[in-house]
Amino acid sequence: MTMRTTRKTVTFTRPFHLCGIDGLQPAGAYDVDTDEELIEDLSFAAWRRVATMIHLRRAGVTQVYRIDPVHLDASLLRDAGMTVLPPGNDSQAAESGRRT
């Protein structure tokens, strides 16, 4: 099976928390790796995400943690000052905004 890893850097301007990682992490730039596998037997190239990891430096040692990319995106949105709604609550929020 063919695999690929892509790396991006995300930046938090404020301390943040990610599910599955103890404690509040300091603001800063963090490397995030995404592992994907090629979906075979298709007439076009398609990739499926199989893992997302963030690199955290603690006491001079880099540790790699597997994370949920949805939680990472939500943390980045919160850091940017945007409201994050739980999945499935978009229509409820719109309705409650109309009721006055």
C-alpha atoms as a PDB file:
ATOM      1  CA  MET A   1       0.000   0.000   0.000  1.00  0.00           C
ATOM      2  CA  THR A   2       1.318   3.431  -0.935  1.00  0.00           C
ATOM      3  CA  MET A   3       1.566   5.945   1.904  1.00  0.00           C
ATOM      4  CA  ARG A   4       2.453   9.632   2.001  1.00  0.00           C
ATOM      5  CA  THR A   5       3.074  12.103   4.800  1.00  0.00           C
ATOM      6  CA  THR A   6       2.499  15.827   4.505  1.00  0.00           C
ATOM      7  CA  ARG A   7       3.705  18.356   7.057  1.00  0.00           C
ATOM      8  CA  LYS A   8       2.280  21.770   7.779  1.00  0.00           C
ATOM      9  CA  THR A   9       2.967  24.315  10.478  1.00  0.00           C
ATOM     10  CA  VAL A  10       0.084  25.710  12.504  1.00  0.00           C
ATOM     11  CA  THR A  11       0.408  28.750  14.739  1.00  0.00           C
ATOM     12  CA  PHE A  12      -1.504  29.449  17.920  1.00  0.00           C
ATOM     13  CA  THR A  13      -1.473  33.018  19.220  1.00  0.00           C
ATOM     14  CA  ARG A  14      -2.783  31.955  22.637  1.00  0.00           C
ATOM     15  CA  PRO A  15      -2.342  28.921  24.895  1.00  0.00           C
ATOM     16  CA  PHE A  16      -4.542  26.049  23.748  1.00  0.00           C
ATOM     17  CA  HIS A  17      -5.801  22.605  24.696  1.00  0.00           C
ATOM     18  CA  LEU A  18      -6.203  19.536  22.480  1.00  0.00           C
ATOM     19  CA  CYS A  19      -8.241  16.460  23.380  1.00  0.00           C
ATOM     20  CA  GLY A  20      -6.030  13.595  24.446  1.00  0.00           C
ATOM     21  CA  ILE A  21      -3.081  15.769  25.493  1.00  0.00           C
ATOM     22  CA  ASP A  22      -2.723  16.725  29.139  1.00  0.00           C
ATOM     23  CA  GLY A  23      -2.367  20.361  30.040  1.00  0.00           C
ATOM     24  CA  LEU A  24      -2.511  23.702  28.349  1.00  0.00           C
ATOM     25  CA  GLN A  25       0.005  24.104  25.524  1.00  0.00           C
ATOM     26  CA  PRO A  26       1.818  27.409  25.042  1.00  0.00           C
ATOM     27  CA  ALA A  27       1.195  29.687  22.077  1.00  0.00           C
ATOM     28  CA  GLY A  28       3.576  29.159  19.189  1.00  0.00           C
ATOM     29  CA  ALA A  29       4.190  27.335  15.922  1.00  0.00           C
ATOM     30  CA  TYR A  30       3.709  23.567  15.802  1.00  0.00           C
ATOM     31  CA  ASP A  31       4.426  20.993  13.104  1.00  0.00           C
ATOM     32  CA  VAL A  32       1.491  18.755  12.175  1.00  0.00           C
ATOM     33  CA  ASP A  33       1.971  15.599  10.090  1.00  0.00           C
ATOM     34  CA  THR A  34      -0.827  13.912   8.178  1.00  0.00           C
ATOM     35  CA  ASP A  35      -0.389  10.326   6.991  1.00  0.00           C
ATOM     36  CA  GLU A  36      -2.517   9.224   4.053  1.00  0.00           C
ATOM     37  CA  GLU A  37      -2.837   6.003   2.115  1.00  0.00           C
ATOM     38  CA  LEU A  38      -3.610   5.649  -1.563  1.00  0.00           C
ATOM     39  CA  ILE A  39      -7.039   4.207  -2.264  1.00  0.00           C
ATOM     40  CA  GLU A  40      -6.290   1.595  -4.893  1.00  0.00           C
ATOM     41  CA  ASP A  41      -8.394   0.226  -7.736  1.00  0.00           C
ATOM     42  CA  LEU A  42      -9.849   3.604  -8.686  1.00  0.00           C
ATOM     43  CA  SER A  43      -9.533   5.240 -12.090  1.00  0.00           C
ATOM     44  CA  PHE A  44      -8.089   8.347 -10.407  1.00  0.00           C
ATOM     45  CA  ALA A  45      -5.725   9.040  -7.513  1.00  0.00           C
ATOM     46  CA  ALA A  46      -7.464   9.426  -4.170  1.00  0.00           C
ATOM     47  CA  TRP A  47      -5.976   9.487  -0.673  1.00  0.00           C
ATOM     48  CA  ARG A  48      -7.516   8.575   2.683  1.00  0.00           C
ATOM     49  CA  ARG A  49      -6.250  10.194   5.887  1.00  0.00           C
ATOM     50  CA  VAL A  50      -5.171   7.543   8.368  1.00  0.00           C
ATOM     51  CA  ALA A  51      -3.436   9.611  11.074  1.00  0.00           C
ATOM     52  CA  THR A  52      -2.737  13.174  12.157  1.00  0.00           C
ATOM     53  CA  MET A  53       0.062  13.956  14.626  1.00  0.00           C
ATOM     54  CA  ILE A  54       1.286  17.126  16.304  1.00  0.00           C
ATOM     55  CA  HIS A  55       4.848  17.686  17.484  1.00  0.00           C
ATOM     56  CA  LEU A  56       5.072  19.249  20.959  1.00  0.00           C
ATOM     57  CA  ARG A  57       8.327  20.387  22.506  1.00  0.00           C
ATOM     58  CA  ARG A  58       8.434  19.894  26.277  1.00  0.00           C
ATOM     59  CA  ALA A  59      11.542  20.458  28.377  1.00  0.00           C
ATOM     60  CA  GLY A  60      13.746  20.343  25.282  1.00  0.00           C
ATOM     61  CA  VAL A  61      12.296  17.041  24.057  1.00  0.00           C
ATOM     62  CA  THR A  62       9.931  16.758  21.103  1.00  0.00           C
ATOM     63  CA  GLN A  63       7.004  14.415  21.636  1.00  0.00           C
ATOM     64  CA  VAL A  64       4.592  13.374  18.899  1.00  0.00           C
ATOM     65  CA  TYR A  65       0.906  12.934  19.735  1.00  0.00           C
ATOM     66  CA  ARG A  66      -1.807  11.465  17.549  1.00  0.00           C
ATOM     67  CA  ILE A  67      -4.720  13.910  17.394  1.00  0.00           C
ATOM     68  CA  ASP A  68      -8.119  14.261  15.804  1.00  0.00           C
ATOM     69  CA  PRO A  69      -7.848  16.789  12.938  1.00  0.00           C
ATOM     70  CA  VAL A  70     -11.377  18.027  13.693  1.00  0.00           C
ATOM     71  CA  HIS A  71     -10.287  18.978  17.230  1.00  0.00           C
ATOM     72  CA  LEU A  72      -7.184  20.684  15.847  1.00  0.00           C
ATOM     73  CA  ASP A  73      -9.294  22.739  13.434  1.00  0.00           C
ATOM     74  CA  ALA A  74     -11.712  23.675  16.231  1.00  0.00           C
ATOM     75  CA  SER A  75      -8.813  24.780  18.461  1.00  0.00           C
ATOM     76  CA  LEU A  76      -7.393  26.909  15.649  1.00  0.00           C
ATOM     77  CA  LEU A  77     -10.797  28.536  15.093  1.00  0.00           C
ATOM     78  CA  ARG A  78     -11.145  29.281  18.819  1.00  0.00           C
ATOM     79  CA  ASP A  79      -7.637  30.762  18.772  1.00  0.00           C
ATOM     80  CA  ALA A  80      -8.730  33.033  15.913  1.00  0.00           C
ATOM     81  CA  GLY A  81     -11.681  34.203  18.029  1.00  0.00           C
ATOM     82  CA  MET A  82     -14.336  32.353  16.051  1.00  0.00           C
ATOM     83  CA  THR A  83     -17.236  30.525  17.681  1.00  0.00           C
ATOM     84  CA  VAL A  84     -17.152  26.768  17.250  1.00  0.00           C
ATOM     85  CA  LEU A  85     -20.445  24.869  17.335  1.00  0.00           C
ATOM     86  CA  PRO A  86     -20.648  21.132  17.979  1.00  0.00           C
ATOM     87  CA  PRO A  87     -21.384  19.097  14.826  1.00  0.00           C
ATOM     88  CA  GLY A  88     -25.061  19.053  13.914  1.00  0.00           C
ATOM     89  CA  ASN A  89     -25.944  22.273  15.740  1.00  0.00           C
ATOM     90  CA  ASP A  90     -25.695  24.614  12.741  1.00  0.00           C
ATOM     91  CA  SER A  91     -29.422  24.639  12.032  1.00  0.00           C
ATOM     92  CA  GLN A  92     -30.312  24.894  15.733  1.00  0.00           C
ATOM     93  CA  ALA A  93     -28.051  27.919  16.102  1.00  0.00           C
ATOM     94  CA  ALA A  94     -29.608  29.558  13.060  1.00  0.00           C
ATOM     95  CA  GLU A  95     -33.113  28.928  14.409  1.00  0.00           C
ATOM     96  CA  SER A  96     -32.287  30.201  17.882  1.00  0.00           C
ATOM     97  CA  GLY A  97     -30.787  33.315  16.322  1.00  0.00           C
ATOM     98  CA  ARG A  98     -34.089  34.020  14.593  1.00  0.00           C
ATOM     99  CA  ARG A  99     -36.197  33.685  17.753  1.00  0.00           C
ATOM    100  CA  THR A 100     -36.497  36.923  19.656  1.00  0.00           C
END
